[in-house]
């Protein structure tokens, strides 16, 4: 029934909408089919870079891992998740914008001193399936493990080692602990490196004190190196002088031994002559001694009977008597 504005009505049916024309419906259907084909085609292919893994899931379950290139998958049934192969990292104790994170960096050492230590953690994904599905937040697990082992390890060293000489040893110890623990967690992550970016006392006064200590150590090292250099220069010269003195002493020793042997041989010869001619040998020795004592003396021989004096050179006299 239809009511009109003037109050009249009609029991006839209201006119319905005009039916769409068949060509228009066909066009719309064609457009829908084309769009569906395009979406299906786009969902059937994907591209991976050289530094990416592709994890394929079928009905939500991981089925395969693919590598770089243009790949094909089943549309609507399979999905792909891209995972980076490259080494990635994150800071501990500071932020990339330069701001600090004291709750992460402030630690206590073995000798009960406080120190601020900043680290940088580097990792890579070794198993993309385990990385995606063995844990909900694998990076959070890695971060917590690093923080825990960093604090445990720093607590085994005194503050001087943390700030100066023990950094390499501390880094190696932390890395070994985290790597071992990650193998047990089995979350598809590998720690490649962990390095101390900065280590300093928490207050300006303490920092100045440690700077002074470090300067003193460097000065001490310089002094030691200079002393070693001086020793390397002086010791060889001293050794050479010592060798020369020893050689001179040995030469003097040999000369004295040879001289003594010569005198002993001469004495033996004199002794042999003495045994043959005792009187002549005595006279010869006497004249030789007098020649050495009084080389310029003249010998006067006085005849008691006649009173005649004769002056003779001692050397010639000694020679004549030695021959007689």
Protein backbone atom coordinates (compact mmCIF):
# COMPACT_ATOMS: atom_id res chain seq x y z
CA UNK A 1 0.00 0.00 0.00
CA UNK A 2 1.29 3.45 -0.95
CA UNK A 3 0.29 6.69 0.86
CA UNK A 4 0.43 10.06 -0.91
CA UNK A 5 0.86 13.61 0.52
CA UNK A 6 -2.79 14.53 -0.13
CA UNK A 7 -3.90 11.62 2.12
CA UNK A 8 -4.87 9.22 -0.61
CA UNK A 9 -3.35 5.84 -0.94
CA UNK A 10 -2.97 3.05 -3.40
CA UNK A 11 -2.82 -0.71 -2.89
CA UNK A 12 -0.45 -1.20 -5.83
CA UNK A 13 3.24 -2.30 -5.34
CA UNK A 14 6.03 0.31 -5.37
CA UNK A 15 8.24 0.35 -8.43
CA UNK A 16 11.61 -1.43 -7.83
CA UNK A 17 15.12 -0.40 -9.03
CA UNK A 18 15.99 -0.97 -12.55
CA UNK A 19 18.16 -4.09 -13.07
CA UNK A 20 21.85 -3.51 -14.05
CA UNK A 21 22.72 -4.08 -17.55
CA UNK A 22 24.63 -7.32 -18.21
CA UNK A 23 27.73 -5.65 -19.87
CA UNK A 24 28.35 -3.53 -16.75
CA UNK A 25 28.30 -6.57 -14.49
CA UNK A 26 30.70 -8.35 -16.76
CA UNK A 27 33.13 -5.42 -16.67
CA UNK A 28 33.11 -5.25 -12.89
CA UNK A 29 33.68 -8.97 -12.64
CA UNK A 30 36.56 -8.72 -15.08
CA UNK A 31 38.21 -5.96 -13.04
CA UNK A 32 37.88 -8.00 -9.83
CA UNK A 33 39.40 -11.05 -11.51
CA UNK A 34 42.31 -8.99 -12.89
CA UNK A 35 43.04 -7.45 -9.51
CA UNK A 36 42.91 -10.89 -7.92
CA UNK A 37 45.34 -12.26 -10.53
CA UNK A 38 47.71 -9.34 -9.99
CA UNK A 39 47.67 -9.81 -6.21
CA UNK A 40 48.18 -13.55 -6.66
CA UNK A 41 51.10 -12.97 -9.01
CA UNK A 42 52.70 -10.50 -6.64
CA UNK A 43 52.25 -12.91 -3.76
CA UNK A 44 53.86 -15.73 -5.74
CA UNK A 45 57.32 -14.15 -6.11
CA UNK A 46 59.81 -12.55 -3.76
CA UNK A 47 63.40 -11.34 -3.93
CA UNK A 48 66.22 -11.87 -1.42
CA UNK A 49 69.46 -9.90 -1.26
CA UNK A 50 72.88 -11.46 -0.79
CA UNK A 51 72.84 -10.60 2.93
CA UNK A 52 69.38 -12.03 3.63
CA UNK A 53 67.81 -15.33 4.61
CA UNK A 54 64.26 -16.16 3.56
CA UNK A 55 62.21 -18.30 5.99
CA UNK A 56 59.21 -19.86 4.24
CA UNK A 57 56.20 -20.84 6.36
CA UNK A 58 53.37 -23.03 5.11
CA UNK A 59 50.13 -22.52 7.00
CA UNK A 60 52.18 -20.75 9.69
CA UNK A 61 54.79 -23.52 10.14
CA UNK A 62 58.39 -23.02 8.92
CA UNK A 63 59.10 -25.28 5.99
CA UNK A 64 62.33 -24.11 4.38
CA UNK A 65 65.08 -21.49 4.33
CA UNK A 66 66.02 -19.88 1.02
CA UNK A 67 68.93 -17.78 -0.13
CA UNK A 68 69.38 -14.75 -2.38
CA UNK A 69 67.67 -14.30 -5.73
CA UNK A 70 64.19 -14.23 -7.23
CA UNK A 71 62.12 -16.98 -5.61
CA UNK A 72 58.68 -18.54 -6.07
CA UNK A 73 56.20 -19.49 -3.34
CA UNK A 74 52.61 -20.68 -3.13
CA UNK A 75 50.38 -17.61 -2.82
CA UNK A 76 48.09 -17.25 0.21
CA UNK A 77 49.42 -20.51 1.66
CA UNK A 78 53.07 -19.68 2.10
CA UNK A 79 54.62 -16.57 3.66
CA UNK A 80 58.23 -15.39 3.67
CA UNK A 81 60.11 -13.64 6.49
CA UNK A 82 63.37 -11.96 5.59
CA UNK A 83 66.23 -12.18 8.11
CA UNK A 84 69.58 -10.38 7.85
CA UNK A 85 72.85 -12.35 7.56
CA UNK A 86 75.10 -9.40 8.39
CA UNK A 87 76.87 -8.70 11.67
CA UNK A 88 74.73 -6.39 13.77
CA UNK A 89 75.25 -4.78 17.13
CA UNK A 90 73.90 -2.75 20.01
CA UNK A 91 75.45 -0.67 22.81
CA UNK A 92 75.39 -1.39 26.54
CA UNK A 93 75.91 1.48 28.96
CA UNK A 94 75.18 4.20 26.43
CA UNK A 95 72.92 4.95 23.50
CA UNK A 96 73.68 5.64 19.86
CA UNK A 97 72.55 9.24 20.23
CA UNK A 98 75.38 9.83 22.73
CA UNK A 99 73.30 9.75 25.88
CA UNK A 100 74.31 7.58 28.80
CA UNK A 101 72.58 4.63 30.48
CA UNK A 102 74.05 4.56 33.98
CA UNK A 103 71.84 1.70 35.11
CA UNK A 104 73.70 -0.47 32.57
CA UNK A 105 77.19 1.00 32.89
CA UNK A 106 77.64 1.49 36.66
CA UNK A 107 79.33 -1.56 38.21
CA UNK A 108 81.31 -2.54 41.30
CA UNK A 109 84.80 -4.04 41.11
CA UNK A 110 86.60 -6.67 43.18
CA UNK A 111 88.15 -4.01 45.42
CA UNK A 112 84.76 -2.38 46.09
CA UNK A 113 85.16 0.57 43.76
CA UNK A 114 82.52 1.86 41.37
CA UNK A 115 83.26 2.23 37.69
CA UNK A 116 81.31 3.14 34.55
CA UNK A 117 81.98 0.69 31.72
CA UNK A 118 80.44 0.94 28.24
CA UNK A 119 80.33 -2.05 25.90
CA UNK A 120 79.42 -2.66 22.30
CA UNK A 121 77.99 -6.08 21.44
CA UNK A 122 78.23 -7.57 17.93
CA UNK A 123 76.25 -10.61 16.83
CA UNK A 124 74.91 -12.41 13.78
CA UNK A 125 72.04 -14.76 13.08
CA UNK A 126 73.27 -18.28 12.36
CA UNK A 127 69.92 -20.12 12.27
CA UNK A 128 67.00 -17.95 11.11
CA UNK A 129 64.36 -20.54 12.01
CA UNK A 130 65.55 -20.83 15.61
CA UNK A 131 65.97 -17.06 15.74
CA UNK A 132 62.34 -16.53 14.72
CA UNK A 133 60.60 -19.38 16.53
CA UNK A 134 62.67 -20.68 19.47
CA UNK A 135 62.09 -17.53 21.49
CA UNK A 136 59.89 -14.49 21.34
CA UNK A 137 62.65 -11.92 21.98
CA UNK A 138 66.07 -13.41 21.13
CA UNK A 139 67.82 -10.03 21.20
CA UNK A 140 66.49 -9.32 24.69
CA UNK A 141 67.89 -12.67 25.81
CA UNK A 142 71.29 -11.80 24.34
CA UNK A 143 71.22 -8.38 25.98
CA UNK A 144 70.38 -9.82 29.42
CA UNK A 145 73.07 -12.51 29.13
CA UNK A 146 75.68 -9.90 28.22
CA UNK A 147 74.69 -7.63 31.10
CA UNK A 148 74.76 -10.51 33.58
CA UNK A 149 78.17 -11.86 32.56
CA UNK A 150 79.63 -8.36 32.26
CA UNK A 151 78.77 -7.60 35.88
CA UNK A 152 80.00 -11.00 37.07
CA UNK A 153 83.32 -10.59 35.25
CA UNK A 154 83.93 -6.96 36.25
CA UNK A 155 83.41 -8.07 39.86
CA UNK A 156 86.43 -10.37 39.56
CA UNK A 157 88.88 -7.55 38.73
CA UNK A 158 90.14 -4.54 40.63
CA UNK A 159 89.27 -1.09 39.36
CA UNK A 160 92.77 -0.41 38.05
CA UNK A 161 92.63 -3.48 35.78
CA UNK A 162 89.17 -2.55 34.50
CA UNK A 163 90.21 0.97 33.57
CA UNK A 164 93.75 0.31 32.32
CA UNK A 165 95.55 -2.98 31.85
CA UNK A 166 92.89 -5.70 32.04
CA UNK A 167 90.49 -4.72 29.25
CA UNK A 168 91.53 -7.38 26.74
CA UNK A 169 91.39 -10.14 29.32
CA UNK A 170 87.97 -8.99 30.56
CA UNK A 171 86.53 -8.86 27.04
CA UNK A 172 87.79 -12.36 26.24
CA UNK A 173 86.36 -13.78 29.47
CA UNK A 174 82.92 -12.22 28.90
CA UNK A 175 82.79 -13.39 25.29
CA UNK A 176 83.63 -16.98 26.23
CA UNK A 177 80.90 -17.07 28.89
CA UNK A 178 78.22 -15.60 26.62
CA UNK A 179 79.13 -17.86 23.67
CA UNK A 180 78.88 -20.95 25.87
CA UNK A 181 75.54 -19.85 27.28
CA UNK A 182 74.10 -19.04 23.84
CA UNK A 183 74.88 -22.57 22.69
CA UNK A 184 72.71 -23.82 25.54
CA UNK A 185 69.90 -21.36 24.82
CA UNK A 186 69.81 -22.45 21.14
CA UNK A 187 68.14 -19.29 19.83
CA UNK A 188 70.00 -19.06 16.51
CA UNK A 189 72.31 -16.21 17.59
CA UNK A 190 76.11 -16.10 17.70
CA UNK A 191 78.14 -13.52 19.60
CA UNK A 192 80.94 -12.36 17.29
CA UNK A 193 82.55 -9.74 19.52
CA UNK A 194 82.11 -7.68 22.66
CA UNK A 195 84.38 -4.69 23.28
CA UNK A 196 84.86 -2.15 26.03
CA UNK A 197 84.18 1.24 24.49
CA UNK A 198 85.01 3.26 27.58
CA UNK A 199 85.81 2.69 31.25
CA UNK A 200 86.11 5.49 33.77
CA UNK A 201 85.43 6.29 37.44
CA UNK A 202 81.93 7.59 38.19
CA UNK A 203 83.05 10.92 39.72
CA UNK A 204 85.26 13.69 38.40
CA UNK A 205 87.58 13.57 41.41
CA UNK A 206 88.15 9.86 41.12
CA UNK A 207 88.60 10.17 37.38
CA UNK A 208 91.31 12.79 37.88
CA UNK A 209 93.03 10.52 40.40
CA UNK A 210 93.03 7.62 37.96
CA UNK A 211 94.29 9.91 35.21
CA UNK A 212 97.18 10.90 37.47
CA UNK A 213 97.90 7.23 38.20
CA UNK A 214 97.85 6.38 34.51
CA UNK A 215 100.18 9.29 33.76
CA UNK A 216 102.55 8.10 36.49
CA UNK A 217 102.50 4.59 35.06
CA UNK A 218 103.31 5.90 31.61
CA UNK A 219 106.15 7.96 33.07
CA UNK A 220 107.41 4.88 34.90
CA UNK A 221 107.26 2.85 31.70
CA UNK A 222 109.17 5.59 29.90
CA UNK A 223 111.83 5.65 32.62
CA UNK A 224 112.14 1.85 32.50
CA UNK A 225 112.47 1.91 28.72
CA UNK A 226 115.11 4.64 28.91
CA UNK A 227 117.00 2.66 31.56
CA UNK A 228 116.89 -0.45 29.40
CA UNK A 229 118.11 1.55 26.42
CA UNK A 230 120.99 2.95 28.48
CA UNK A 231 121.80 -0.53 29.78
CA UNK A 232 121.81 -1.91 26.24
CA UNK A 233 124.28 0.80 25.27
CA UNK A 234 126.55 0.62 28.34
CA UNK A 235 126.66 -3.12 29.03
CA UNK A 236 128.20 -4.10 25.68
CA UNK A 237 130.90 -1.41 26.11
CA UNK A 238 131.55 -2.58 29.67
CA UNK A 239 131.76 -6.18 28.49
CA UNK A 240 134.23 -5.14 25.79
CA UNK A 241 136.36 -3.29 28.35
CA UNK A 242 136.21 -6.28 30.68
CA UNK A 243 137.30 -8.59 27.86
CA UNK A 244 140.19 -6.25 27.06
CA UNK A 245 141.27 -6.12 30.71
CA UNK A 246 141.06 -9.91 30.98
CA UNK A 247 143.10 -10.34 27.80
CA UNK A 248 145.69 -7.83 29.05
CA UNK A 249 145.89 -9.62 32.39
CA UNK A 250 146.27 -12.96 30.66
CA UNK A 251 149.02 -11.49 28.47
CA UNK A 252 150.80 -10.04 31.51
CA UNK A 253 150.44 -13.38 33.27
CA UNK A 254 151.93 -15.22 30.31
CA UNK A 255 154.83 -12.77 30.08
CA UNK A 256 155.61 -13.13 33.78
CA UNK A 257 155.41 -16.89 33.58
CA UNK A 258 157.72 -16.91 30.58
CA UNK A 259 160.09 -14.50 32.34
CA UNK A 260 160.11 -16.68 35.45
CA UNK A 261 160.70 -19.78 33.34
CA UNK A 262 163.57 -18.02 31.59
CA UNK A 263 165.14 -16.96 34.87
CA UNK A 264 164.69 -20.45 36.25
CA UNK A 265 166.42 -21.89 33.15
CA UNK A 266 169.24 -19.35 33.48
CA UNK A 267 169.61 -20.16 37.15
CA UNK A 268 169.70 -23.85 36.30
CA UNK A 269 172.44 -23.20 33.76
CA UNK A 270 174.42 -21.19 36.33
CA UNK A 271 173.94 -23.94 38.86
CA UNK A 272 175.21 -26.50 36.39
CA UNK A 273 178.29 -24.30 35.69
CA UNK A 274 178.77 -23.78 39.40
CA UNK A 275 178.88 -27.52 39.97
CA UNK A 276 181.59 -27.80 37.30
CA UNK A 277 183.64 -24.71 38.21
CA UNK A 278 182.61 -23.31 41.59
CA UNK A 279 185.34 -20.68 42.00
CA UNK A 280 185.12 -19.28 38.48
CA UNK A 281 181.33 -19.15 38.72
CA UNK A 282 181.49 -17.26 42.01
CA UNK A 283 183.87 -14.70 40.50
CA UNK A 284 181.68 -14.32 37.44
CA UNK A 285 178.58 -13.75 39.52
CA UNK A 286 180.43 -11.25 41.69
CA UNK A 287 181.66 -9.23 38.73
CA UNK A 288 178.24 -9.26 37.02
CA UNK A 289 176.63 -8.04 40.24
CA UNK A 290 179.20 -5.28 40.62
CA UNK A 291 178.70 -4.30 36.98
CA UNK A 292 175.00 -3.90 37.57
CA UNK A 293 175.48 -1.98 40.82
CA UNK A 294 178.38 0.23 39.74
CA UNK A 295 178.47 0.27 35.96
CA UNK A 296 180.97 3.21 35.73
CA UNK A 297 183.37 2.04 38.47
CA UNK A 298 187.07 1.60 37.67
CA UNK A 299 189.05 -1.17 39.28
CA UNK A 300 192.45 -0.34 40.85
CA UNK A 301 194.83 -3.19 41.57
CA UNK A 302 197.68 -2.39 44.01
CA UNK A 303 200.73 -4.57 44.31
CA UNK A 304 201.69 -4.52 47.99
CA UNK A 305 205.28 -5.38 47.25
CA UNK A 306 206.01 -2.82 44.52
CA UNK A 307 203.25 -0.23 45.29
CA UNK A 308 202.26 -0.06 41.61
CA UNK A 309 198.62 0.88 40.91
CA UNK A 310 196.85 -0.28 37.85
CA UNK A 311 193.37 1.07 36.77
CA UNK A 312 191.24 -1.30 34.76
CA UNK A 313 187.60 -1.01 33.46
CA UNK A 314 185.48 -3.34 35.47
CA UNK A 315 183.60 -4.65 32.42
CA UNK A 316 186.73 -5.74 30.62
CA UNK A 317 188.20 -7.16 33.80
CA UNK A 318 185.06 -9.12 34.47
CA UNK A 319 185.14 -10.39 30.89
CA UNK A 320 188.73 -11.50 31.14
CA UNK A 321 188.20 -13.24 34.42
CA UNK A 322 185.01 -14.88 33.10
CA UNK A 323 186.99 -16.28 30.22
CA UNK A 324 189.93 -17.37 32.46
